[in-house]
Full PDB file with SEQRES, HELIX, SHEET, SSBOND, CRYST1, ORIGX, SCALE, CONECT and MASTER records, all heavy atoms in Angstrom:
SEQRES   1 A   35  ALA LYS ASN MET LEU TYR LEU ARG MET ASP SER LEU LYS          
SEQRES   2 A   35  PRO GLU ASP THR ALA VAL TYR TYR CYS ALA ALA LYS ILE          
SEQRES   3 A   35  TRP SER GLN TYR ASP MET THR TYR ASP                          
HELIX    1 AA1 PRO A   14  ASP A   16  5                                   3    
CRYST1    1.000    1.000    1.000  90.00  90.00  90.00 P 1           1          
ORIGX1      1.000000  0.000000  0.000000        0.00000                         
ORIGX2      0.000000  1.000000  0.000000        0.00000                         
ORIGX3      0.000000  0.000000  1.000000        0.00000                         
SCALE1      1.000000  0.000000  0.000000        0.00000                         
SCALE2      0.000000  1.000000  0.000000        0.00000                         
SCALE3      0.000000  0.000000  1.000000        0.00000                         
ATOM      1  N   ALA A   1       5.582  14.207 -12.440  1.00  0.00           N  
ATOM      2  CA  ALA A   1       6.047  14.385 -13.819  1.00  0.00           C  
ATOM      3  C   ALA A   1       5.060  13.792 -14.817  1.00  0.00           C  
ATOM      4  O   ALA A   1       4.976  14.246 -15.965  1.00  0.00           O  
ATOM      5  CB  ALA A   1       7.411  13.759 -13.983  1.00  0.00           C  
ATOM      6  N   LYS A   2       4.343  12.770 -14.371  1.00  0.00           N  
ATOM      7  CA  LYS A   2       3.349  12.123 -15.237  1.00  0.00           C  
ATOM      8  C   LYS A   2       1.928  12.531 -14.888  1.00  0.00           C  
ATOM      9  O   LYS A   2       0.975  12.064 -15.522  1.00  0.00           O  
ATOM     10  CB  LYS A   2       3.473  10.602 -15.130  1.00  0.00           C  
ATOM     11  CG  LYS A   2       4.783  10.040 -15.631  1.00  0.00           C  
ATOM     12  CD  LYS A   2       4.787   8.518 -15.556  1.00  0.00           C  
ATOM     13  CE  LYS A   2       6.081   7.930 -16.090  1.00  0.00           C  
ATOM     14  NZ  LYS A   2       6.092   6.446 -16.019  1.00  0.00           N  
ATOM     15  N   ASN A   3       1.802  13.375 -13.875  1.00  0.00           N  
ATOM     16  CA  ASN A   3       0.469  13.822 -13.442  1.00  0.00           C  
ATOM     17  C   ASN A   3      -0.415  12.634 -13.060  1.00  0.00           C  
ATOM     18  O   ASN A   3      -1.575  12.531 -13.487  1.00  0.00           O  
ATOM     19  CB  ASN A   3      -0.201  14.635 -14.555  1.00  0.00           C  
ATOM     20  CG  ASN A   3      -1.148  15.689 -14.028  1.00  0.00           C  
ATOM     21  OD1 ASN A   3      -0.942  16.266 -12.957  1.00  0.00           O  
ATOM     22  ND2 ASN A   3      -2.209  15.963 -14.780  1.00  0.00           N  
ATOM     23  N   MET A   4       0.153  11.707 -12.280  1.00  0.00           N  
ATOM     24  CA  MET A   4      -0.544  10.484 -11.923  1.00  0.00           C  
ATOM     25  C   MET A   4      -0.568  10.288 -10.411  1.00  0.00           C  
ATOM     26  O   MET A   4       0.362  10.660  -9.693  1.00  0.00           O  
ATOM     27  CB  MET A   4       0.123   9.271 -12.552  1.00  0.00           C  
ATOM     28  CG  MET A   4      -0.013   9.194 -14.073  1.00  0.00           C  
ATOM     29  SD  MET A   4      -1.700   8.846 -14.618  1.00  0.00           S  
ATOM     30  CE  MET A   4      -1.906   7.164 -14.000  1.00  0.00           C  
ATOM     31  N   LEU A   5      -1.643   9.655  -9.949  1.00  0.00           N  
ATOM     32  CA  LEU A   5      -1.817   9.277  -8.551  1.00  0.00           C  
ATOM     33  C   LEU A   5      -2.084   7.777  -8.504  1.00  0.00           C  
ATOM     34  O   LEU A   5      -2.754   7.244  -9.391  1.00  0.00           O  
ATOM     35  CB  LEU A   5      -3.001  10.037  -7.940  1.00  0.00           C  
ATOM     36  CG  LEU A   5      -3.410   9.663  -6.523  1.00  0.00           C  
ATOM     37  CD1 LEU A   5      -2.377  10.188  -5.521  1.00  0.00           C  
ATOM     38  CD2 LEU A   5      -4.790  10.234  -6.199  1.00  0.00           C  
ATOM     39  N   TYR A   6      -1.557   7.112  -7.471  1.00  0.00           N  
ATOM     40  CA  TYR A   6      -1.709   5.667  -7.350  1.00  0.00           C  
ATOM     41  C   TYR A   6      -2.163   5.274  -5.942  1.00  0.00           C  
ATOM     42  O   TYR A   6      -1.919   5.990  -4.975  1.00  0.00           O  
ATOM     43  CB  TYR A   6      -0.396   4.954  -7.650  1.00  0.00           C  
ATOM     44  CG  TYR A   6       0.213   5.306  -8.980  1.00  0.00           C  
ATOM     45  CD1 TYR A   6       1.276   6.204  -9.055  1.00  0.00           C  
ATOM     46  CD2 TYR A   6      -0.270   4.747 -10.160  1.00  0.00           C  
ATOM     47  CE1 TYR A   6       1.838   6.536 -10.277  1.00  0.00           C  
ATOM     48  CE2 TYR A   6       0.295   5.081 -11.383  1.00  0.00           C  
ATOM     49  CZ  TYR A   6       1.348   5.976 -11.438  1.00  0.00           C  
ATOM     50  OH  TYR A   6       1.890   6.298 -12.645  1.00  0.00           O  
ATOM     51  N   LEU A   7      -2.772   4.100  -5.875  1.00  0.00           N  
ATOM     52  CA  LEU A   7      -3.073   3.488  -4.581  1.00  0.00           C  
ATOM     53  C   LEU A   7      -2.774   2.001  -4.710  1.00  0.00           C  
ATOM     54  O   LEU A   7      -3.489   1.275  -5.405  1.00  0.00           O  
ATOM     55  CB  LEU A   7      -4.532   3.702  -4.172  1.00  0.00           C  
ATOM     56  CG  LEU A   7      -4.894   3.141  -2.794  1.00  0.00           C  
ATOM     57  CD1 LEU A   7      -4.194   3.950  -1.690  1.00  0.00           C  
ATOM     58  CD2 LEU A   7      -6.412   3.162  -2.571  1.00  0.00           C  
ATOM     59  N   ARG A   8      -1.719   1.587  -4.062  1.00  0.00           N  
ATOM     60  CA  ARG A   8      -1.354   0.177  -4.025  1.00  0.00           C  
ATOM     61  C   ARG A   8      -2.068  -0.444  -2.845  1.00  0.00           C  
ATOM     62  O   ARG A   8      -1.943   0.022  -1.702  1.00  0.00           O  
ATOM     63  CB  ARG A   8       0.152   0.015  -3.867  1.00  0.00           C  
ATOM     64  CG  ARG A   8       0.605  -1.410  -3.612  1.00  0.00           C  
ATOM     65  CD  ARG A   8       0.524  -2.279  -4.834  1.00  0.00           C  
ATOM     66  NE  ARG A   8       0.939  -3.662  -4.549  1.00  0.00           N  
ATOM     67  CZ  ARG A   8       1.111  -4.585  -5.493  1.00  0.00           C  
ATOM     68  NH1 ARG A   8       0.911  -4.285  -6.784  1.00  0.00           N  
ATOM     69  NH2 ARG A   8       1.475  -5.812  -5.163  1.00  0.00           N  
ATOM     70  N   MET A   9      -2.820  -1.531  -3.099  1.00  0.00           N  
ATOM     71  CA  MET A   9      -3.611  -2.178  -2.061  1.00  0.00           C  
ATOM     72  C   MET A   9      -3.166  -3.627  -1.928  1.00  0.00           C  
ATOM     73  O   MET A   9      -3.302  -4.402  -2.881  1.00  0.00           O  
ATOM     74  CB  MET A   9      -5.098  -2.105  -2.396  1.00  0.00           C  
ATOM     75  CG  MET A   9      -5.599  -0.689  -2.642  1.00  0.00           C  
ATOM     76  SD  MET A   9      -7.378  -0.591  -2.918  1.00  0.00           S  
ATOM     77  CE  MET A   9      -7.526  -1.496  -4.456  1.00  0.00           C  
ATOM     78  N   ASP A  10      -2.615  -3.976  -0.797  1.00  0.00           N  
ATOM     79  CA  ASP A  10      -2.152  -5.333  -0.514  1.00  0.00           C  
ATOM     80  C   ASP A  10      -2.984  -5.939   0.617  1.00  0.00           C  
ATOM     81  O   ASP A  10      -3.664  -5.231   1.353  1.00  0.00           O  
ATOM     82  CB  ASP A  10      -0.677  -5.318  -0.123  1.00  0.00           C  
ATOM     83  CG  ASP A  10       0.225  -4.864  -1.252  1.00  0.00           C  
ATOM     84  OD1 ASP A  10       0.039  -5.330  -2.383  1.00  0.00           O  
ATOM     85  OD2 ASP A  10       1.125  -4.037  -0.987  1.00  0.00           O  
ATOM     86  N   SER A  11      -2.900  -7.259   0.729  1.00  0.00           N  
ATOM     87  CA  SER A  11      -3.612  -7.978   1.794  1.00  0.00           C  
ATOM     88  C   SER A  11      -5.075  -7.554   1.842  1.00  0.00           C  
ATOM     89  O   SER A  11      -5.620  -7.264   2.918  1.00  0.00           O  
ATOM     90  CB  SER A  11      -2.940  -7.715   3.148  1.00  0.00           C  
ATOM     91  OG  SER A  11      -1.590  -8.096   3.117  1.00  0.00           O  
ATOM     92  N   LEU A  12      -5.696  -7.549   0.701  1.00  0.00           N  
ATOM     93  CA  LEU A  12      -7.069  -7.068   0.618  1.00  0.00           C  
ATOM     94  C   LEU A  12      -8.025  -7.974   1.397  1.00  0.00           C  
ATOM     95  O   LEU A  12      -7.840  -9.197   1.464  1.00  0.00           O  
ATOM     96  CB  LEU A  12      -7.507  -6.974  -0.839  1.00  0.00           C  
ATOM     97  CG  LEU A  12      -6.973  -5.737  -1.577  1.00  0.00           C  
ATOM     98  CD1 LEU A  12      -7.032  -5.909  -3.076  1.00  0.00           C  
ATOM     99  CD2 LEU A  12      -7.738  -4.503  -1.144  1.00  0.00           C  
ATOM    100  N   LYS A  13      -9.042  -7.334   1.968  1.00  0.00           N  
ATOM    101  CA  LYS A  13     -10.044  -8.027   2.757  1.00  0.00           C  
ATOM    102  C   LYS A  13     -11.421  -7.797   2.133  1.00  0.00           C  
ATOM    103  O   LYS A  13     -11.628  -6.791   1.450  1.00  0.00           O  
ATOM    104  CB  LYS A  13     -10.048  -7.475   4.182  1.00  0.00           C  
ATOM    105  CG  LYS A  13      -8.711  -7.529   4.886  1.00  0.00           C  
ATOM    106  CD  LYS A  13      -8.789  -6.846   6.243  1.00  0.00           C  
ATOM    107  CE  LYS A  13      -7.456  -6.863   6.958  1.00  0.00           C  
ATOM    108  NZ  LYS A  13      -7.529  -6.194   8.292  1.00  0.00           N  
ATOM    109  N   PRO A  14     -12.364  -8.690   2.391  1.00  0.00           N  
ATOM    110  CA  PRO A  14     -13.722  -8.470   1.852  1.00  0.00           C  
ATOM    111  C   PRO A  14     -14.300  -7.115   2.245  1.00  0.00           C  
ATOM    112  O   PRO A  14     -15.042  -6.510   1.459  1.00  0.00           O  
ATOM    113  CB  PRO A  14     -14.507  -9.620   2.468  1.00  0.00           C  
ATOM    114  CG  PRO A  14     -13.504 -10.709   2.628  1.00  0.00           C  
ATOM    115  CD  PRO A  14     -12.237 -10.001   3.031  1.00  0.00           C  
ATOM    116  N   GLU A  15     -13.948  -6.624   3.420  1.00  0.00           N  
ATOM    117  CA  GLU A  15     -14.478  -5.329   3.857  1.00  0.00           C  
ATOM    118  C   GLU A  15     -13.866  -4.150   3.096  1.00  0.00           C  
ATOM    119  O   GLU A  15     -14.282  -3.010   3.286  1.00  0.00           O  
ATOM    120  CB  GLU A  15     -14.282  -5.138   5.367  1.00  0.00           C  
ATOM    121  CG  GLU A  15     -12.881  -5.404   5.861  1.00  0.00           C  
ATOM    122  CD  GLU A  15     -12.720  -6.813   6.411  1.00  0.00           C  
ATOM    123  OE1 GLU A  15     -13.225  -7.762   5.778  1.00  0.00           O  
ATOM    124  OE2 GLU A  15     -12.065  -6.947   7.469  1.00  0.00           O  
ATOM    125  N   ASP A  16     -12.883  -4.407   2.246  1.00  0.00           N  
ATOM    126  CA  ASP A  16     -12.343  -3.358   1.387  1.00  0.00           C  
ATOM    127  C   ASP A  16     -13.187  -3.169   0.124  1.00  0.00           C  
ATOM    128  O   ASP A  16     -12.930  -2.259  -0.666  1.00  0.00           O  
ATOM    129  CB  ASP A  16     -10.903  -3.684   0.969  1.00  0.00           C  
ATOM    130  CG  ASP A  16      -9.942  -3.673   2.139  1.00  0.00           C  
ATOM    131  OD1 ASP A  16     -10.043  -2.769   2.995  1.00  0.00           O  
ATOM    132  OD2 ASP A  16      -9.071  -4.565   2.195  1.00  0.00           O  
ATOM    133  N   THR A  17     -14.167  -4.033  -0.068  1.00  0.00           N  
ATOM    134  CA  THR A  17     -15.036  -3.924  -1.233  1.00  0.00           C  
ATOM    135  C   THR A  17     -15.778  -2.596  -1.218  1.00  0.00           C  
ATOM    136  O   THR A  17     -16.447  -2.251  -0.239  1.00  0.00           O  
ATOM    137  CB  THR A  17     -16.045  -5.082  -1.251  1.00  0.00           C  
ATOM    138  OG1 THR A  17     -15.347  -6.316  -1.426  1.00  0.00           O  
ATOM    139  CG2 THR A  17     -17.050  -4.907  -2.384  1.00  0.00           C  
ATOM    140  N   ALA A  18     -15.625  -1.854  -2.309  1.00  0.00           N  
ATOM    141  CA  ALA A  18     -16.226  -0.516  -2.398  1.00  0.00           C  
ATOM    142  C   ALA A  18     -15.921   0.075  -3.769  1.00  0.00           C  
ATOM    143  O   ALA A  18     -15.110  -0.470  -4.524  1.00  0.00           O  
ATOM    144  CB  ALA A  18     -15.674   0.399  -1.307  1.00  0.00           C  
ATOM    145  N   VAL A  19     -16.561   1.191  -4.046  1.00  0.00           N  
ATOM    146  CA  VAL A  19     -16.151   2.023  -5.173  1.00  0.00           C  
ATOM    147  C   VAL A  19     -15.105   2.996  -4.645  1.00  0.00           C  
ATOM    148  O   VAL A  19     -15.343   3.676  -3.640  1.00  0.00           O  
ATOM    149  CB  VAL A  19     -17.343   2.781  -5.781  1.00  0.00           C  
ATOM    150  CG1 VAL A  19     -16.866   3.703  -6.909  1.00  0.00           C  
ATOM    151  CG2 VAL A  19     -18.395   1.801  -6.301  1.00  0.00           C  
ATOM    152  N   TYR A  20     -13.977   3.056  -5.315  1.00  0.00           N  
ATOM    153  CA  TYR A  20     -12.871   3.900  -4.886  1.00  0.00           C  
ATOM    154  C   TYR A  20     -12.797   5.140  -5.775  1.00  0.00           C  
ATOM    155  O   TYR A  20     -12.844   5.039  -7.002  1.00  0.00           O  
ATOM    156  CB  TYR A  20     -11.553   3.126  -4.958  1.00  0.00           C  
ATOM    157  CG  TYR A  20     -11.395   2.159  -3.808  1.00  0.00           C  
ATOM    158  CD1 TYR A  20     -12.173   1.004  -3.741  1.00  0.00           C  
ATOM    159  CD2 TYR A  20     -10.498   2.407  -2.770  1.00  0.00           C  
ATOM    160  CE1 TYR A  20     -12.048   0.127  -2.674  1.00  0.00           C  
ATOM    161  CE2 TYR A  20     -10.366   1.542  -1.706  1.00  0.00           C  
ATOM    162  CZ  TYR A  20     -11.144   0.402  -1.664  1.00  0.00           C  
ATOM    163  OH  TYR A  20     -11.026  -0.465  -0.601  1.00  0.00           O  
ATOM    164  N   TYR A  21     -12.666   6.286  -5.125  1.00  0.00           N  
ATOM    165  CA  TYR A  21     -12.628   7.568  -5.814  1.00  0.00           C  
ATOM    166  C   TYR A  21     -11.318   8.292  -5.531  1.00  0.00           C  
ATOM    167  O   TYR A  21     -10.851   8.312  -4.391  1.00  0.00           O  
ATOM    168  CB  TYR A  21     -13.762   8.469  -5.332  1.00  0.00           C  
ATOM    169  CG  TYR A  21     -15.151   7.919  -5.530  1.00  0.00           C  
ATOM    170  CD1 TYR A  21     -15.747   7.132  -4.556  1.00  0.00           C  
ATOM    171  CD2 TYR A  21     -15.866   8.214  -6.688  1.00  0.00           C  
ATOM    172  CE1 TYR A  21     -17.020   6.633  -4.731  1.00  0.00           C  
ATOM    173  CE2 TYR A  21     -17.151   7.716  -6.869  1.00  0.00           C  
ATOM    174  CZ  TYR A  21     -17.724   6.930  -5.892  1.00  0.00           C  
ATOM    175  OH  TYR A  21     -18.996   6.449  -6.069  1.00  0.00           O  
ATOM    176  N   CYS A  22     -10.758   8.902  -6.554  1.00  0.00           N  
ATOM    177  CA  CYS A  22      -9.651   9.813  -6.307  1.00  0.00           C  
ATOM    178  C   CYS A  22     -10.181  11.240  -6.291  1.00  0.00           C  
ATOM    179  O   CYS A  22     -11.229  11.533  -6.891  1.00  0.00           O  
ATOM    180  CB  CYS A  22      -8.539   9.667  -7.334  1.00  0.00           C  
ATOM    181  SG  CYS A  22      -8.921  10.214  -9.008  1.00  0.00           S  
ATOM    182  N   ALA A  23      -9.491  12.093  -5.575  1.00  0.00           N  
ATOM    183  CA  ALA A  23      -9.918  13.472  -5.403  1.00  0.00           C  
ATOM    184  C   ALA A  23      -8.712  14.390  -5.413  1.00  0.00           C  
ATOM    185  O   ALA A  23      -7.612  13.986  -5.018  1.00  0.00           O  
ATOM    186  CB  ALA A  23     -10.690  13.621  -4.099  1.00  0.00           C  
ATOM    187  N   ALA A  24      -8.930  15.608  -5.849  1.00  0.00           N  
ATOM    188  CA  ALA A  24      -7.840  16.586  -5.923  1.00  0.00           C  
ATOM    189  C   ALA A  24      -8.286  17.925  -5.361  1.00  0.00           C  
ATOM    190  O   ALA A  24      -9.415  18.374  -5.599  1.00  0.00           O  
ATOM    191  CB  ALA A  24      -7.390  16.760  -7.374  1.00  0.00           C  
ATOM    192  N   LYS A  25      -7.391  18.520  -4.614  1.00  0.00           N  
ATOM    193  CA  LYS A  25      -7.616  19.864  -4.098  1.00  0.00           C  
ATOM    194  C   LYS A  25      -6.845  20.827  -4.982  1.00  0.00           C  
ATOM    195  O   LYS A  25      -5.688  20.566  -5.307  1.00  0.00           O  
ATOM    196  CB  LYS A  25      -7.117  19.950  -2.656  1.00  0.00           C  
ATOM    197  CG  LYS A  25      -7.306  21.304  -1.999  1.00  0.00           C  
ATOM    198  CD  LYS A  25      -6.902  21.249  -0.542  1.00  0.00           C  
ATOM    199  CE  LYS A  25      -6.994  22.621   0.106  1.00  0.00           C  
ATOM    200  NZ  LYS A  25      -8.336  23.196   0.025  1.00  0.00           N  
ATOM    201  N   ILE A  26      -7.485  21.911  -5.381  1.00  0.00           N  
ATOM    202  CA  ILE A  26      -6.877  22.803  -6.359  1.00  0.00           C  
ATOM    203  C   ILE A  26      -5.526  23.318  -5.885  1.00  0.00           C  
ATOM    204  O   ILE A  26      -4.530  23.273  -6.613  1.00  0.00           O  
ATOM    205  CB  ILE A  26      -7.806  23.984  -6.660  1.00  0.00           C  
ATOM    206  CG1 ILE A  26      -9.078  23.496  -7.362  1.00  0.00           C  
ATOM    207  CG2 ILE A  26      -7.097  25.023  -7.520  1.00  0.00           C  
ATOM    208  CD1 ILE A  26     -10.094  24.592  -7.589  1.00  0.00           C  
ATOM    209  N   TRP A  27      -5.462  23.778  -4.658  1.00  0.00           N  
ATOM    210  CA  TRP A  27      -4.224  24.417  -4.212  1.00  0.00           C  
ATOM    211  C   TRP A  27      -4.124  24.331  -2.702  1.00  0.00           C  
ATOM    212  O   TRP A  27      -5.125  24.366  -1.972  1.00  0.00           O  
ATOM    213  CB  TRP A  27      -4.231  25.886  -4.656  1.00  0.00           C  
ATOM    214  CG  TRP A  27      -3.006  26.633  -4.246  1.00  0.00           C  
ATOM    215  CD1 TRP A  27      -1.788  26.626  -4.856  1.00  0.00           C  
ATOM    216  CD2 TRP A  27      -2.876  27.522  -3.136  1.00  0.00           C  
ATOM    217  NE1 TRP A  27      -0.916  27.451  -4.185  1.00  0.00           N  
ATOM    218  CE2 TRP A  27      -1.557  28.021  -3.133  1.00  0.00           C  
ATOM    219  CE3 TRP A  27      -3.749  27.946  -2.131  1.00  0.00           C  
ATOM    220  CZ2 TRP A  27      -1.089  28.921  -2.173  1.00  0.00           C  
ATOM    221  CZ3 TRP A  27      -3.281  28.842  -1.183  1.00  0.00           C  
ATOM    222  CH2 TRP A  27      -1.966  29.317  -1.212  1.00  0.00           C  
ATOM    223  N   SER A  28      -2.900  24.240  -2.214  1.00  0.00           N  
ATOM    224  CA  SER A  28      -2.650  24.293  -0.785  1.00  0.00           C  
ATOM    225  C   SER A  28      -1.402  25.115  -0.548  1.00  0.00           C  
ATOM    226  O   SER A  28      -0.397  24.932  -1.229  1.00  0.00           O  
ATOM    227  CB  SER A  28      -2.476  22.883  -0.213  1.00  0.00           C  
ATOM    228  OG  SER A  28      -2.119  22.943   1.148  1.00  0.00           O  
ATOM    229  N   GLN A  29      -1.472  25.996   0.408  1.00  0.00           N  
ATOM    230  CA  GLN A  29      -0.312  26.822   0.718  1.00  0.00           C  
ATOM    231  C   GLN A  29       0.826  25.977   1.279  1.00  0.00           C  
ATOM    232  O   GLN A  29       2.007  26.277   1.055  1.00  0.00           O  
ATOM    233  CB  GLN A  29      -0.699  27.906   1.727  1.00  0.00           C  
ATOM    234  CG  GLN A  29       0.445  28.846   2.074  1.00  0.00           C  
ATOM    235  CD  GLN A  29       0.015  29.963   2.999  1.00  0.00           C  
ATOM    236  OE1 GLN A  29      -1.141  30.032   3.416  1.00  0.00           O  
ATOM    237  NE2 GLN A  29       0.930  30.854   3.342  1.00  0.00           N  
ATOM    238  N   TYR A  30       0.476  24.936   1.999  1.00  0.00           N  
ATOM    239  CA  TYR A  30       1.481  24.101   2.642  1.00  0.00           C  
ATOM    240  C   TYR A  30       1.496  22.697   2.050  1.00  0.00           C  
ATOM    241  O   TYR A  30       0.521  22.246   1.462  1.00  0.00           O  
ATOM    242  CB  TYR A  30       1.193  24.028   4.148  1.00  0.00           C  
ATOM    243  CG  TYR A  30       1.135  25.370   4.809  1.00  0.00           C  
ATOM    244  CD1 TYR A  30      -0.078  25.933   5.185  1.00  0.00           C  
ATOM    245  CD2 TYR A  30       2.296  26.101   5.044  1.00  0.00           C  
ATOM    246  CE1 TYR A  30      -0.138  27.171   5.772  1.00  0.00           C  
ATOM    247  CE2 TYR A  30       2.247  27.344   5.632  1.00  0.00           C  
ATOM    248  CZ  TYR A  30       1.021  27.879   5.989  1.00  0.00           C  
ATOM    249  OH  TYR A  30       0.968  29.119   6.568  1.00  0.00           O  
ATOM    250  N   ASP A  31       2.592  22.025   2.239  1.00  0.00           N  
ATOM    251  CA  ASP A  31       2.762  20.663   1.738  1.00  0.00           C  
ATOM    252  C   ASP A  31       2.166  19.693   2.755  1.00  0.00           C  
ATOM    253  O   ASP A  31       2.866  19.009   3.480  1.00  0.00           O  
ATOM    254  CB  ASP A  31       4.259  20.368   1.520  1.00  0.00           C  
ATOM    255  CG  ASP A  31       4.468  19.087   0.743  1.00  0.00           C  
ATOM    256  OD1 ASP A  31       3.639  18.772  -0.138  1.00  0.00           O  
ATOM    257  OD2 ASP A  31       5.451  18.382   1.021  1.00  0.00           O  
ATOM    258  N   MET A  32       0.846  19.662   2.771  1.00  0.00           N  
ATOM    259  CA  MET A  32       0.157  18.879   3.780  1.00  0.00           C  
ATOM    260  C   MET A  32      -0.905  17.991   3.158  1.00  0.00           C  
ATOM    261  O   MET A  32      -1.200  18.099   1.963  1.00  0.00           O  
ATOM    262  CB  MET A  32      -0.490  19.804   4.819  1.00  0.00           C  
ATOM    263  CG  MET A  32      -1.501  20.789   4.242  1.00  0.00           C  
ATOM    264  SD  MET A  32      -2.155  21.917   5.502  1.00  0.00           S  
ATOM    265  CE  MET A  32      -3.199  20.808   6.445  1.00  0.00           C  
ATOM    266  N   THR A  33      -1.439  17.098   3.991  1.00  0.00           N  
ATOM    267  CA  THR A  33      -2.474  16.177   3.547  1.00  0.00           C  
ATOM    268  C   THR A  33      -3.836  16.601   4.087  1.00  0.00           C  
ATOM    269  O   THR A  33      -3.928  17.322   5.078  1.00  0.00           O  
ATOM    270  CB  THR A  33      -2.159  14.759   4.039  1.00  0.00           C  
ATOM    271  OG1 THR A  33      -2.039  14.774   5.466  1.00  0.00           O  
ATOM    272  CG2 THR A  33      -0.853  14.250   3.434  1.00  0.00           C  
ATOM    273  N   TYR A  34      -4.882  16.115   3.440  1.00  0.00           N  
ATOM    274  CA  TYR A  34      -6.253  16.427   3.834  1.00  0.00           C  
ATOM    275  C   TYR A  34      -7.053  15.126   3.898  1.00  0.00           C  
ATOM    276  O   TYR A  34      -7.134  14.415   2.892  1.00  0.00           O  
ATOM    277  CB  TYR A  34      -6.892  17.391   2.828  1.00  0.00           C  
ATOM    278  CG  TYR A  34      -6.184  18.724   2.772  1.00  0.00           C  
ATOM    279  CD1 TYR A  34      -5.030  18.892   2.013  1.00  0.00           C  
ATOM    280  CD2 TYR A  34      -6.666  19.812   3.493  1.00  0.00           C  
ATOM    281  CE1 TYR A  34      -4.371  20.106   1.973  1.00  0.00           C  
ATOM    282  CE2 TYR A  34      -6.013  21.039   3.458  1.00  0.00           C  
ATOM    283  CZ  TYR A  34      -4.868  21.176   2.701  1.00  0.00           C  
ATOM    284  OH  TYR A  34      -4.216  22.378   2.663  1.00  0.00           O  
ATOM    285  N   ASP A  35      -7.620  14.834   5.045  1.00  0.00           N  
ATOM    286  CA  ASP A  35      -8.317  13.562   5.212  1.00  0.00           C  
ATOM    287  C   ASP A  35      -9.826  13.726   5.298  1.00  0.00           C  
ATOM    288  O   ASP A  35     -10.517  12.841   5.817  1.00  0.00           O  
ATOM    289  CB  ASP A  35      -7.793  12.810   6.442  1.00  0.00           C  
ATOM    290  CG  ASP A  35      -8.009  13.580   7.737  1.00  0.00           C  
ATOM    291  OD1 ASP A  35      -8.577  14.689   7.690  1.00  0.00           O  
ATOM    292  OD2 ASP A  35      -7.606  13.057   8.799  1.00  0.00           O  
TER     293      ASP A  35                                                      
MASTER        0    0    0    1    0    0    0    6  292    1    0    3          
END                                                                             
């Protein structure tokens, strides 16, 4: 409804240090995930 995506990150570790990117796929026929 707000056109928003989130990533909650808990128990962070030094190895989580990085640049984080969000990405969007234009369309999917099925309600599935893409890794």
